[in-house]
Amino acid sequence: MKKSMTLAYPVEDKLYLNLTNRCPCACTFCIRNNADGAYGSDPLWLEHEPSLQEMTEAIKNAKPENFTEIVFCGYGEPTEALELLCGTADFIKENYPDIPTRLNTNGLSDLINKKPTAHLLKNRIDTVSVSLNAGTEEEYLRVTRPKFGKESFSAMQKFASDCKEYAGKVMFTVVDVIPDEEIQAAKALADKLGIYLRIREYVG
């Protein structure tokens, strides 16, 4: 495992931010199982958890004005570093207000932080993308393997629903490696909650 301090890295026309390597899940398809980086980046395994100053310097050095969106998504769950996430988002909104922000999350922030958290995204995150991963609890637990166990599936759905009040846009995602019946079940669940479902291509 190679380590570095890759805190900001480009993915096409978007700037991705790597806040932490901590994650409460061990998804069977996680890209971390196959490589030290993603999309040609330097290693995303961090030598240490960054400070807010380190994050803001990395953002400035990356010239965010050249990107169409700033995405909180690295080799960990961004809400594991919730205070840093909020501080970094505030910095972006203050200094680059025209660049939209997105949070890619497993939706378990309330369990991670032991409190409701969706409201903290207001005026900070424009789009919340929640990894649904499967349309049924049984398959979700099998694929995602969250440390919180069975309560994770309902907590993820509640967080996503709560985010509808505080973010401009909320979506679920599933990766196209899951069986078609699970994709159909995911569509049904997303429709029930009134949340758009995006089926994304697996990158491994």
N, C-alpha and C. Protein backbone atom coordinates (compact mmCIF):
# COMPACT_ATOMS: atom_id res chain seq x y z
N MET A 1 0.83 -1.19 0.00
CA MET A 1 0.00 0.00 0.00
C MET A 1 0.88 1.25 0.00
N LYS A 2 0.77 2.03 -1.06
CA LYS A 2 1.51 3.28 -1.14
C LYS A 2 0.69 4.41 -0.52
N LYS A 3 1.35 5.29 0.21
CA LYS A 3 0.67 6.40 0.85
C LYS A 3 1.21 7.72 0.34
N SER A 4 0.37 8.73 0.37
CA SER A 4 0.77 10.07 -0.04
C SER A 4 -0.16 11.05 0.65
N MET A 5 -0.09 12.31 0.27
CA MET A 5 -1.05 13.29 0.76
C MET A 5 -1.80 13.89 -0.43
N THR A 6 -2.42 12.99 -1.22
CA THR A 6 -3.23 13.43 -2.35
C THR A 6 -4.59 13.86 -1.81
N LEU A 7 -4.75 15.15 -1.65
CA LEU A 7 -5.98 15.69 -1.06
C LEU A 7 -6.95 16.21 -2.11
N ALA A 8 -6.46 16.57 -3.29
CA ALA A 8 -7.29 17.05 -4.38
C ALA A 8 -6.77 16.45 -5.67
N TYR A 9 -7.67 15.87 -6.47
CA TYR A 9 -7.23 15.24 -7.71
C TYR A 9 -8.32 15.40 -8.78
N PRO A 10 -7.91 15.55 -10.03
CA PRO A 10 -8.89 15.78 -11.10
C PRO A 10 -9.49 14.48 -11.62
N VAL A 11 -10.76 14.52 -11.92
CA VAL A 11 -11.45 13.45 -12.64
C VAL A 11 -12.24 14.13 -13.75
N GLU A 12 -11.67 14.09 -14.96
CA GLU A 12 -12.22 14.81 -16.11
C GLU A 12 -12.32 16.30 -15.75
N ASP A 13 -13.53 16.87 -15.78
CA ASP A 13 -13.66 18.30 -15.52
C ASP A 13 -14.09 18.60 -14.08
N LYS A 14 -13.91 17.62 -13.18
CA LYS A 14 -14.31 17.79 -11.79
C LYS A 14 -13.10 17.64 -10.86
N LEU A 15 -13.12 18.35 -9.75
CA LEU A 15 -12.05 18.26 -8.76
C LEU A 15 -12.56 17.46 -7.58
N TYR A 16 -11.90 16.35 -7.28
CA TYR A 16 -12.29 15.46 -6.18
C TYR A 16 -11.42 15.75 -4.96
N LEU A 17 -12.04 15.67 -3.78
CA LEU A 17 -11.35 15.94 -2.52
C LEU A 17 -11.32 14.69 -1.65
N ASN A 18 -10.15 14.38 -1.13
CA ASN A 18 -9.89 13.16 -0.37
C ASN A 18 -9.66 13.55 1.10
N LEU A 19 -10.72 13.49 1.91
CA LEU A 19 -10.65 13.98 3.29
C LEU A 19 -10.12 12.96 4.28
N THR A 20 -10.42 11.68 4.05
CA THR A 20 -10.14 10.66 5.05
C THR A 20 -10.10 9.30 4.39
N ASN A 21 -9.46 8.35 5.05
CA ASN A 21 -9.50 6.96 4.59
C ASN A 21 -10.44 6.11 5.44
N ARG A 22 -11.03 6.70 6.46
CA ARG A 22 -11.94 5.95 7.33
C ARG A 22 -13.27 5.67 6.61
N CYS A 23 -13.81 4.48 6.82
CA CYS A 23 -15.10 4.11 6.23
C CYS A 23 -15.71 2.99 7.06
N PRO A 24 -17.02 3.07 7.35
CA PRO A 24 -17.65 2.03 8.13
C PRO A 24 -18.10 0.82 7.31
N CYS A 25 -17.85 0.86 6.02
CA CYS A 25 -18.28 -0.23 5.13
C CYS A 25 -17.06 -0.96 4.55
N ALA A 26 -17.33 -2.15 4.06
CA ALA A 26 -16.30 -2.93 3.36
C ALA A 26 -16.94 -3.52 2.10
N CYS A 27 -17.35 -2.63 1.19
CA CYS A 27 -18.11 -3.05 0.01
C CYS A 27 -17.32 -4.05 -0.82
N THR A 28 -18.02 -5.06 -1.31
CA THR A 28 -17.35 -6.13 -2.06
C THR A 28 -16.72 -5.62 -3.34
N PHE A 29 -17.26 -4.54 -3.91
CA PHE A 29 -16.76 -4.03 -5.19
C PHE A 29 -15.87 -2.80 -5.02
N CYS A 30 -15.50 -2.45 -3.79
CA CYS A 30 -14.78 -1.19 -3.55
C CYS A 30 -13.47 -1.13 -4.32
N ILE A 31 -13.26 0.01 -4.97
CA ILE A 31 -12.05 0.21 -5.76
C ILE A 31 -10.79 0.14 -4.90
N ARG A 32 -10.94 0.38 -3.60
CA ARG A 32 -9.77 0.33 -2.71
C ARG A 32 -9.17 -1.08 -2.64
N ASN A 33 -9.98 -2.08 -3.00
CA ASN A 33 -9.49 -3.45 -2.98
C ASN A 33 -8.51 -3.74 -4.11
N ASN A 34 -8.52 -2.88 -5.14
CA ASN A 34 -7.80 -3.20 -6.37
C ASN A 34 -6.62 -2.29 -6.68
N ALA A 35 -6.60 -1.09 -6.10
CA ALA A 35 -5.56 -0.13 -6.49
C ALA A 35 -5.34 0.88 -5.37
N ASP A 36 -4.20 1.55 -5.44
CA ASP A 36 -3.88 2.58 -4.45
C ASP A 36 -4.45 3.94 -4.82
N GLY A 37 -4.91 4.09 -6.08
CA GLY A 37 -5.46 5.36 -6.53
C GLY A 37 -6.63 5.12 -7.46
N ALA A 38 -7.20 6.21 -7.95
CA ALA A 38 -8.35 6.11 -8.85
C ALA A 38 -8.21 7.10 -9.99
N TYR A 39 -8.68 6.70 -11.17
CA TYR A 39 -8.68 7.58 -12.35
C TYR A 39 -7.28 8.14 -12.64
N GLY A 40 -6.25 7.32 -12.39
CA GLY A 40 -4.90 7.76 -12.69
C GLY A 40 -4.28 8.68 -11.65
N SER A 41 -4.91 8.81 -10.49
CA SER A 41 -4.39 9.70 -9.45
C SER A 41 -3.16 9.10 -8.78
N ASP A 42 -2.46 9.94 -8.03
CA ASP A 42 -1.44 9.44 -7.11
C ASP A 42 -2.15 8.63 -6.03
N PRO A 43 -1.40 7.89 -5.20
CA PRO A 43 -2.06 7.10 -4.14
C PRO A 43 -3.00 7.96 -3.30
N LEU A 44 -4.17 7.39 -2.99
CA LEU A 44 -5.16 8.10 -2.18
C LEU A 44 -5.17 7.63 -0.73
N TRP A 45 -4.31 6.67 -0.41
CA TRP A 45 -4.11 6.31 0.99
C TRP A 45 -3.31 7.43 1.65
N LEU A 46 -3.84 8.00 2.71
CA LEU A 46 -3.25 9.19 3.31
C LEU A 46 -2.21 8.85 4.37
N GLU A 47 -1.15 9.64 4.40
CA GLU A 47 -0.13 9.50 5.44
C GLU A 47 -0.68 9.93 6.80
N HIS A 48 -1.57 10.90 6.78
CA HIS A 48 -2.27 11.32 8.00
C HIS A 48 -3.54 12.06 7.59
N GLU A 49 -4.46 12.19 8.52
CA GLU A 49 -5.69 12.92 8.23
C GLU A 49 -5.36 14.40 8.11
N PRO A 50 -5.82 15.05 7.04
CA PRO A 50 -5.45 16.44 6.80
C PRO A 50 -6.15 17.41 7.74
N SER A 51 -5.51 18.53 7.95
CA SER A 51 -6.12 19.65 8.67
C SER A 51 -6.92 20.48 7.67
N LEU A 52 -7.71 21.40 8.19
CA LEU A 52 -8.46 22.30 7.31
C LEU A 52 -7.49 23.14 6.48
N GLN A 53 -6.41 23.58 7.08
CA GLN A 53 -5.43 24.37 6.34
C GLN A 53 -4.82 23.57 5.19
N GLU A 54 -4.52 22.30 5.45
CA GLU A 54 -3.97 21.46 4.38
C GLU A 54 -4.98 21.29 3.25
N MET A 55 -6.25 21.14 3.60
CA MET A 55 -7.27 20.98 2.57
C MET A 55 -7.41 22.25 1.74
N THR A 56 -7.46 23.40 2.41
CA THR A 56 -7.66 24.64 1.65
C THR A 56 -6.46 24.95 0.77
N GLU A 57 -5.25 24.64 1.23
CA GLU A 57 -4.06 24.84 0.40
C GLU A 57 -4.10 23.93 -0.82
N ALA A 58 -4.51 22.68 -0.60
CA ALA A 58 -4.59 21.74 -1.72
C ALA A 58 -5.61 22.20 -2.76
N ILE A 59 -6.72 22.74 -2.29
CA ILE A 59 -7.75 23.23 -3.21
C ILE A 59 -7.22 24.42 -4.01
N LYS A 60 -6.61 25.36 -3.34
CA LYS A 60 -6.07 26.54 -4.03
C LYS A 60 -5.02 26.13 -5.06
N ASN A 61 -4.16 25.20 -4.70
CA ASN A 61 -3.10 24.75 -5.62
C ASN A 61 -3.66 24.01 -6.83
N ALA A 62 -4.84 23.43 -6.67
CA ALA A 62 -5.46 22.67 -7.77
C ALA A 62 -6.17 23.57 -8.77
N LYS A 63 -6.24 24.88 -8.49
CA LYS A 63 -6.90 25.85 -9.37
C LYS A 63 -8.34 25.44 -9.66
N PRO A 64 -9.19 25.46 -8.65
CA PRO A 64 -10.57 24.99 -8.81
C PRO A 64 -11.38 25.75 -9.84
N GLU A 65 -10.95 26.97 -10.15
CA GLU A 65 -11.69 27.74 -11.16
C GLU A 65 -11.67 27.06 -12.52
N ASN A 66 -10.80 26.08 -12.70
CA ASN A 66 -10.74 25.35 -13.97
C ASN A 66 -11.67 24.15 -14.01
N PHE A 67 -12.43 23.93 -12.94
CA PHE A 67 -13.30 22.75 -12.86
C PHE A 67 -14.76 23.15 -12.79
N THR A 68 -15.63 22.24 -13.20
CA THR A 68 -17.07 22.52 -13.22
C THR A 68 -17.78 22.12 -11.94
N GLU A 69 -17.13 21.31 -11.09
CA GLU A 69 -17.75 20.84 -9.86
C GLU A 69 -16.65 20.39 -8.91
N ILE A 70 -16.89 20.55 -7.60
CA ILE A 70 -15.96 20.04 -6.59
C ILE A 70 -16.68 18.95 -5.82
N VAL A 71 -16.05 17.77 -5.78
CA VAL A 71 -16.71 16.56 -5.26
C VAL A 71 -15.97 16.04 -4.04
N PHE A 72 -16.68 15.88 -2.94
CA PHE A 72 -16.11 15.24 -1.76
C PHE A 72 -16.20 13.74 -1.96
N CYS A 73 -15.08 13.14 -2.35
CA CYS A 73 -15.04 11.71 -2.66
C CYS A 73 -13.59 11.28 -2.79
N GLY A 74 -13.13 10.46 -1.87
CA GLY A 74 -11.75 9.97 -1.93
C GLY A 74 -11.70 8.51 -1.56
N TYR A 75 -10.70 8.12 -0.77
CA TYR A 75 -10.56 6.72 -0.36
C TYR A 75 -11.12 6.50 1.04
N GLY A 76 -12.25 7.12 1.32
CA GLY A 76 -12.92 6.96 2.60
C GLY A 76 -14.28 7.63 2.52
N GLU A 77 -15.03 7.54 3.59
CA GLU A 77 -16.35 8.16 3.67
C GLU A 77 -16.20 9.59 4.20
N PRO A 78 -16.53 10.60 3.38
CA PRO A 78 -16.27 11.99 3.79
C PRO A 78 -16.92 12.40 5.10
N THR A 79 -18.08 11.81 5.43
CA THR A 79 -18.75 12.21 6.67
C THR A 79 -18.09 11.62 7.91
N GLU A 80 -17.09 10.76 7.71
CA GLU A 80 -16.26 10.33 8.84
C GLU A 80 -15.43 11.52 9.35
N ALA A 81 -15.22 12.50 8.50
CA ALA A 81 -14.50 13.73 8.86
C ALA A 81 -15.46 14.90 8.72
N LEU A 82 -16.57 14.84 9.45
CA LEU A 82 -17.67 15.77 9.24
C LEU A 82 -17.28 17.22 9.49
N GLU A 83 -16.53 17.48 10.54
CA GLU A 83 -16.11 18.85 10.83
C GLU A 83 -15.24 19.40 9.71
N LEU A 84 -14.32 18.56 9.23
CA LEU A 84 -13.45 18.97 8.13
C LEU A 84 -14.26 19.16 6.85
N LEU A 85 -15.22 18.30 6.62
CA LEU A 85 -16.10 18.43 5.46
C LEU A 85 -16.82 19.77 5.48
N CYS A 86 -17.39 20.13 6.62
CA CYS A 86 -18.14 21.38 6.72
C CYS A 86 -17.21 22.59 6.56
N GLY A 87 -16.05 22.53 7.20
CA GLY A 87 -15.11 23.64 7.10
C GLY A 87 -14.59 23.83 5.68
N THR A 88 -14.33 22.72 5.01
CA THR A 88 -13.84 22.79 3.64
C THR A 88 -14.92 23.32 2.70
N ALA A 89 -16.15 22.86 2.91
CA ALA A 89 -17.26 23.35 2.09
C ALA A 89 -17.48 24.84 2.30
N ASP A 90 -17.35 25.30 3.54
CA ASP A 90 -17.47 26.74 3.81
C ASP A 90 -16.41 27.53 3.07
N PHE A 91 -15.19 27.01 3.07
CA PHE A 91 -14.09 27.67 2.34
C PHE A 91 -14.41 27.77 0.86
N ILE A 92 -14.94 26.69 0.28
CA ILE A 92 -15.27 26.69 -1.15
C ILE A 92 -16.36 27.70 -1.44
N LYS A 93 -17.40 27.71 -0.63
CA LYS A 93 -18.52 28.62 -0.87
C LYS A 93 -18.10 30.09 -0.71
N GLU A 94 -17.17 30.35 0.20
CA GLU A 94 -16.71 31.71 0.42
C GLU A 94 -15.79 32.19 -0.71
N ASN A 95 -14.97 31.28 -1.23
CA ASN A 95 -13.94 31.67 -2.19
C ASN A 95 -14.26 31.32 -3.64
N TYR A 96 -15.08 30.30 -3.85
CA TYR A 96 -15.43 29.87 -5.21
C TYR A 96 -16.94 29.64 -5.27
N PRO A 97 -17.75 30.67 -5.02
CA PRO A 97 -19.19 30.48 -4.88
C PRO A 97 -19.90 30.00 -6.14
N ASP A 98 -19.26 30.16 -7.29
CA ASP A 98 -19.92 29.76 -8.54
C ASP A 98 -19.68 28.29 -8.90
N ILE A 99 -18.84 27.60 -8.13
CA ILE A 99 -18.55 26.19 -8.42
C ILE A 99 -19.42 25.31 -7.52
N PRO A 100 -20.30 24.51 -8.10
CA PRO A 100 -21.16 23.66 -7.28
C PRO A 100 -20.38 22.56 -6.56
N THR A 101 -20.90 22.14 -5.42
CA THR A 101 -20.26 21.09 -4.62
C THR A 101 -21.15 19.86 -4.58
N ARG A 102 -20.49 18.70 -4.53
CA ARG A 102 -21.22 17.43 -4.42
C ARG A 102 -20.58 16.58 -3.34
N LEU A 103 -21.42 15.86 -2.59
CA LEU A 103 -20.96 14.90 -1.60
C LEU A 103 -21.31 13.50 -2.08
N ASN A 104 -20.31 12.66 -2.28
CA ASN A 104 -20.53 11.24 -2.55
C ASN A 104 -20.39 10.51 -1.22
N THR A 105 -21.45 9.85 -0.78
CA THR A 105 -21.49 9.30 0.57
C THR A 105 -22.19 7.95 0.61
N ASN A 106 -21.89 7.17 1.64
CA ASN A 106 -22.63 5.92 1.85
C ASN A 106 -23.92 6.15 2.63
N GLY A 107 -24.14 7.39 3.06
CA GLY A 107 -25.39 7.73 3.72
C GLY A 107 -25.48 7.32 5.19
N LEU A 108 -24.37 6.92 5.76
CA LEU A 108 -24.39 6.45 7.16
C LEU A 108 -23.89 7.51 8.13
N SER A 109 -23.91 8.76 7.72
CA SER A 109 -23.37 9.84 8.54
C SER A 109 -24.01 9.92 9.92
N ASP A 110 -25.33 9.70 10.01
CA ASP A 110 -25.99 9.81 11.31
C ASP A 110 -25.49 8.73 12.28
N LEU A 111 -25.24 7.53 11.77
CA LEU A 111 -24.72 6.46 12.61
C LEU A 111 -23.25 6.72 12.97
N ILE A 112 -22.49 7.21 12.01
CA ILE A 112 -21.08 7.51 12.25
C ILE A 112 -20.93 8.56 13.34
N ASN A 113 -21.74 9.61 13.23
CA ASN A 113 -21.60 10.77 14.12
C ASN A 113 -22.56 10.77 15.30
N LYS A 114 -23.39 9.73 15.36
CA LYS A 114 -24.30 9.52 16.49
C LYS A 114 -25.28 10.70 16.70
N LYS A 115 -25.72 11.29 15.60
CA LYS A 115 -26.67 12.39 15.66
C LYS A 115 -27.18 12.67 14.25
N PRO A 116 -28.32 13.38 14.11
CA PRO A 116 -28.76 13.79 12.78
C PRO A 116 -27.76 14.78 12.17
N THR A 117 -27.46 14.62 10.90
CA THR A 117 -26.41 15.45 10.30
C THR A 117 -26.80 16.11 8.98
N ALA A 118 -27.89 15.71 8.38
CA ALA A 118 -28.23 16.24 7.05
C ALA A 118 -28.33 17.76 7.05
N HIS A 119 -28.83 18.34 8.13
CA HIS A 119 -29.01 19.79 8.18
C HIS A 119 -27.69 20.55 8.09
N LEU A 120 -26.59 19.88 8.43
CA LEU A 120 -25.28 20.52 8.36
C LEU A 120 -24.81 20.75 6.93
N LEU A 121 -25.48 20.13 5.99
CA LEU A 121 -25.09 20.28 4.58
C LEU A 121 -25.72 21.51 3.93
N LYS A 122 -26.68 22.13 4.61
CA LYS A 122 -27.38 23.28 4.04
C LYS A 122 -26.41 24.42 3.75
N ASN A 123 -26.52 24.97 2.54
CA ASN A 123 -25.66 26.06 2.06
C ASN A 123 -24.19 25.65 1.93
N ARG A 124 -23.94 24.37 2.02
CA ARG A 124 -22.57 23.86 1.86
C ARG A 124 -22.46 22.89 0.69
N ILE A 125 -23.45 22.01 0.56
CA ILE A 125 -23.41 20.96 -0.46
C ILE A 125 -24.61 21.13 -1.40
N ASP A 126 -24.33 21.21 -2.69
CA ASP A 126 -25.39 21.40 -3.67
C ASP A 126 -26.05 20.09 -4.08
N THR A 127 -25.25 19.03 -4.21
CA THR A 127 -25.76 17.72 -4.61
C THR A 127 -25.26 16.66 -3.64
N VAL A 128 -26.16 15.82 -3.17
CA VAL A 128 -25.79 14.67 -2.34
C VAL A 128 -26.05 13.41 -3.13
N SER A 129 -25.00 12.61 -3.30
CA SER A 129 -25.11 11.34 -4.02
C SER A 129 -24.88 10.20 -3.03
N VAL A 130 -25.93 9.42 -2.77
CA VAL A 130 -25.89 8.37 -1.75
C VAL A 130 -25.76 7.01 -2.43
N SER A 131 -24.79 6.23 -2.00
CA SER A 131 -24.58 4.88 -2.55
C SER A 131 -25.65 3.94 -2.00
N LEU A 132 -26.62 3.61 -2.80
CA LEU A 132 -27.68 2.69 -2.39
C LEU A 132 -27.17 1.25 -2.44
N ASN A 133 -26.45 0.95 -3.50
CA ASN A 133 -25.76 -0.34 -3.66
C ASN A 133 -26.68 -1.54 -3.92
N ALA A 134 -27.87 -1.54 -3.38
CA ALA A 134 -28.80 -2.65 -3.59
C ALA A 134 -30.20 -2.19 -3.24
N GLY A 135 -31.20 -2.91 -3.72
CA GLY A 135 -32.58 -2.50 -3.49
C GLY A 135 -33.26 -3.19 -2.34
N THR A 136 -32.62 -4.20 -1.75
CA THR A 136 -33.19 -4.93 -0.63
C THR A 136 -32.20 -4.93 0.53
N GLU A 137 -32.73 -5.02 1.74
CA GLU A 137 -31.86 -5.00 2.92
C GLU A 137 -30.87 -6.16 2.90
N GLU A 138 -31.35 -7.33 2.58
CA GLU A 138 -30.49 -8.51 2.58
C GLU A 138 -29.29 -8.34 1.65
N GLU A 139 -29.57 -7.90 0.43
CA GLU A 139 -28.48 -7.73 -0.54
C GLU A 139 -27.59 -6.54 -0.17
N TYR A 140 -28.20 -5.48 0.36
CA TYR A 140 -27.41 -4.32 0.80
C TYR A 140 -26.39 -4.74 1.86
N LEU A 141 -26.82 -5.51 2.84
CA LEU A 141 -25.91 -5.94 3.91
C LEU A 141 -24.83 -6.88 3.37
N ARG A 142 -25.20 -7.70 2.40
CA ARG A 142 -24.23 -8.64 1.83
C ARG A 142 -23.16 -7.91 1.03
N VAL A 143 -23.57 -6.90 0.27
CA VAL A 143 -22.65 -6.19 -0.62
C VAL A 143 -21.86 -5.12 0.12
N THR A 144 -22.53 -4.39 1.00
CA THR A 144 -21.91 -3.22 1.64
C THR A 144 -21.13 -3.58 2.90
N ARG A 145 -21.60 -4.58 3.64
CA ARG A 145 -20.96 -5.07 4.87
C ARG A 145 -20.65 -3.94 5.86
N PRO A 146 -21.68 -3.16 6.24
CA PRO A 146 -21.46 -2.05 7.17
C PRO A 146 -21.24 -2.54 8.59
N LYS A 147 -20.39 -1.85 9.32
CA LYS A 147 -20.09 -2.27 10.69
C LYS A 147 -21.26 -2.05 11.63
N PHE A 148 -22.23 -1.23 11.22
CA PHE A 148 -23.39 -0.95 12.07
C PHE A 148 -24.48 -2.01 11.94
N GLY A 149 -24.32 -2.94 11.02
CA GLY A 149 -25.28 -4.02 10.89
C GLY A 149 -26.61 -3.59 10.28
N LYS A 150 -27.69 -4.26 10.72
CA LYS A 150 -28.99 -4.14 10.06
C LYS A 150 -29.56 -2.73 10.09
N GLU A 151 -29.25 -1.93 11.09
CA GLU A 151 -29.82 -0.59 11.15
C GLU A 151 -29.29 0.31 10.03
N SER A 152 -28.24 -0.13 9.35
CA SER A 152 -27.62 0.70 8.32
C SER A 152 -28.56 0.98 7.15
N PHE A 153 -29.31 -0.01 6.73
CA PHE A 153 -30.15 0.14 5.53
C PHE A 153 -31.21 1.22 5.73
N SER A 154 -31.88 1.20 6.87
CA SER A 154 -32.90 2.22 7.14
C SER A 154 -32.27 3.58 7.44
N ALA A 155 -31.12 3.59 8.11
CA ALA A 155 -30.43 4.86 8.41
C ALA A 155 -29.99 5.55 7.14
N MET A 156 -29.50 4.79 6.18
CA MET A 156 -29.08 5.35 4.89
C MET A 156 -30.26 5.99 4.17
N GLN A 157 -31.41 5.31 4.18
CA GLN A 157 -32.59 5.86 3.52
C GLN A 157 -33.08 7.13 4.21
N LYS A 158 -33.05 7.15 5.54
CA LYS A 158 -33.50 8.34 6.27
C LYS A 158 -32.58 9.52 5.99
N PHE A 159 -31.27 9.28 5.97
CA PHE A 159 -30.33 10.36 5.68
C PHE A 159 -30.60 10.94 4.30
N ALA A 160 -30.78 10.07 3.31
CA ALA A 160 -31.05 10.53 1.95
C ALA A 160 -32.34 11.35 1.90
N SER A 161 -33.37 10.88 2.58
CA SER A 161 -34.64 11.61 2.60
C SER A 161 -34.49 12.95 3.30
N ASP A 162 -33.75 12.98 4.40
CA ASP A 162 -33.51 14.24 5.12
C ASP A 162 -32.78 15.24 4.24
N CYS A 163 -31.86 14.74 3.43
CA CYS A 163 -31.05 15.63 2.59
C CYS A 163 -31.90 16.37 1.56
N LYS A 164 -33.07 15.83 1.23
CA LYS A 164 -33.94 16.50 0.25
C LYS A 164 -34.33 17.89 0.73
N GLU A 165 -34.33 18.09 2.04
CA GLU A 165 -34.71 19.38 2.61
C GLU A 165 -33.55 20.38 2.59
N TYR A 166 -32.32 19.87 2.56
CA TYR A 166 -31.17 20.75 2.78
C TYR A 166 -30.23 20.89 1.59
N ALA A 167 -30.29 19.98 0.64
CA ALA A 167 -29.42 20.06 -0.54
C ALA A 167 -30.26 20.37 -1.77
N GLY A 168 -29.63 20.97 -2.76
CA GLY A 168 -30.37 21.30 -3.97
C GLY A 168 -30.82 20.07 -4.74
N LYS A 169 -30.03 19.01 -4.65
CA LYS A 169 -30.32 17.79 -5.41
C LYS A 169 -29.84 16.58 -4.62
N VAL A 170 -30.62 15.53 -4.61
CA VAL A 170 -30.25 14.27 -3.95
C VAL A 170 -30.47 13.13 -4.94
N MET A 171 -29.53 12.21 -4.97
CA MET A 171 -29.68 11.05 -5.84
C MET A 171 -29.14 9.80 -5.14
N PHE A 172 -29.67 8.66 -5.53
CA PHE A 172 -29.10 7.37 -5.17
C PHE A 172 -28.23 6.88 -6.33
N THR A 173 -27.23 6.06 -6.02
CA THR A 173 -26.48 5.40 -7.08
C THR A 173 -26.35 3.91 -6.78
N VAL A 174 -26.32 3.13 -7.83
CA VAL A 174 -25.94 1.72 -7.76
C VAL A 174 -24.91 1.49 -8.86
N VAL A 175 -24.07 0.50 -8.65
CA VAL A 175 -23.06 0.15 -9.64
C VAL A 175 -23.59 -0.97 -10.51
N ASP A 176 -23.28 -0.91 -11.80
CA ASP A 176 -23.90 -1.84 -12.75
C ASP A 176 -23.42 -3.28 -12.64
N VAL A 177 -22.62 -3.61 -11.62
CA VAL A 177 -22.17 -5.00 -11.44
C VAL A 177 -23.21 -5.83 -10.68
N ILE A 178 -24.20 -5.19 -10.07
CA ILE A 178 -25.19 -5.95 -9.31
C ILE A 178 -26.21 -6.55 -10.27
N PRO A 179 -26.88 -7.65 -9.88
CA PRO A 179 -27.85 -8.30 -10.76
C PRO A 179 -28.99 -7.37 -11.15
N ASP A 180 -29.58 -7.65 -12.31
CA ASP A 180 -30.64 -6.79 -12.82
C ASP A 180 -31.83 -6.72 -11.87
N GLU A 181 -32.13 -7.83 -11.18
CA GLU A 181 -33.28 -7.79 -10.26
C GLU A 181 -33.02 -6.84 -9.08
N GLU A 182 -31.72 -6.71 -8.70
CA GLU A 182 -31.39 -5.76 -7.64
C GLU A 182 -31.48 -4.32 -8.15
N ILE A 183 -31.11 -4.13 -9.39
CA ILE A 183 -31.25 -2.78 -9.98
C ILE A 183 -32.73 -2.39 -10.04
N GLN A 184 -33.59 -3.34 -10.41
CA GLN A 184 -35.02 -3.06 -10.46
C GLN A 184 -35.57 -2.79 -9.05
N ALA A 185 -35.09 -3.54 -8.06
CA ALA A 185 -35.51 -3.31 -6.68
C ALA A 185 -35.03 -1.94 -6.20
N ALA A 186 -33.83 -1.55 -6.62
CA ALA A 186 -33.30 -0.24 -6.25
C ALA A 186 -34.14 0.87 -6.87
N LYS A 187 -34.55 0.68 -8.11
CA LYS A 187 -35.42 1.67 -8.77
C LYS A 187 -36.73 1.82 -8.02
N ALA A 188 -37.29 0.69 -7.59
CA ALA A 188 -38.56 0.74 -6.87
C ALA A 188 -38.40 1.47 -5.54
N LEU A 189 -37.32 1.22 -4.84
CA LEU A 189 -37.08 1.88 -3.56
C LEU A 189 -36.86 3.38 -3.76
N ALA A 190 -36.06 3.73 -4.76
CA ALA A 190 -35.81 5.14 -5.04
C ALA A 190 -37.10 5.87 -5.40
N ASP A 191 -37.93 5.23 -6.21
CA ASP A 191 -39.21 5.84 -6.59
C ASP A 191 -40.09 6.04 -5.37
N LYS A 192 -40.09 5.06 -4.47
CA LYS A 192 -40.90 5.15 -3.25
C LYS A 192 -40.49 6.35 -2.41
N LEU A 193 -39.19 6.63 -2.36
CA LEU A 193 -38.67 7.74 -1.55
C LEU A 193 -38.62 9.05 -2.32
N GLY A 194 -38.96 9.00 -3.61
CA GLY A 194 -38.94 10.21 -4.42
C GLY A 194 -37.55 10.74 -4.70
N ILE A 195 -36.60 9.82 -4.86
CA ILE A 195 -35.20 10.19 -5.08
C ILE A 195 -34.73 9.57 -6.40
N TYR A 196 -34.07 10.36 -7.21
CA TYR A 196 -33.55 9.90 -8.51
C TYR A 196 -32.50 8.82 -8.32
N LEU A 197 -32.52 7.80 -9.18
CA LEU A 197 -31.52 6.72 -9.14
C LEU A 197 -30.62 6.81 -10.36
N ARG A 198 -29.31 6.84 -10.10
CA ARG A 198 -28.32 6.83 -11.17
C ARG A 198 -27.60 5.48 -11.15
N ILE A 199 -27.56 4.82 -12.29
CA ILE A 199 -26.84 3.56 -12.43
C ILE A 199 -25.47 3.87 -13.03
N ARG A 200 -24.42 3.66 -12.25
CA ARG A 200 -23.10 4.07 -12.71
C ARG A 200 -22.23 2.87 -13.08
N GLU A 201 -21.34 3.10 -14.01
CA GLU A 201 -20.46 2.05 -14.50
C GLU A 201 -19.37 1.77 -13.49
N TYR A 202 -19.10 0.49 -13.28
CA TYR A 202 -18.05 0.10 -12.34
C TYR A 202 -16.69 0.47 -12.90
N VAL A 203 -15.85 1.07 -12.07
CA VAL A 203 -14.47 1.39 -12.43
C VAL A 203 -13.56 0.66 -11.47
N GLY A 204 -12.82 -0.30 -11.94
CA GLY A 204 -11.99 -1.10 -11.05
C GLY A 204 -10.57 -1.17 -11.50
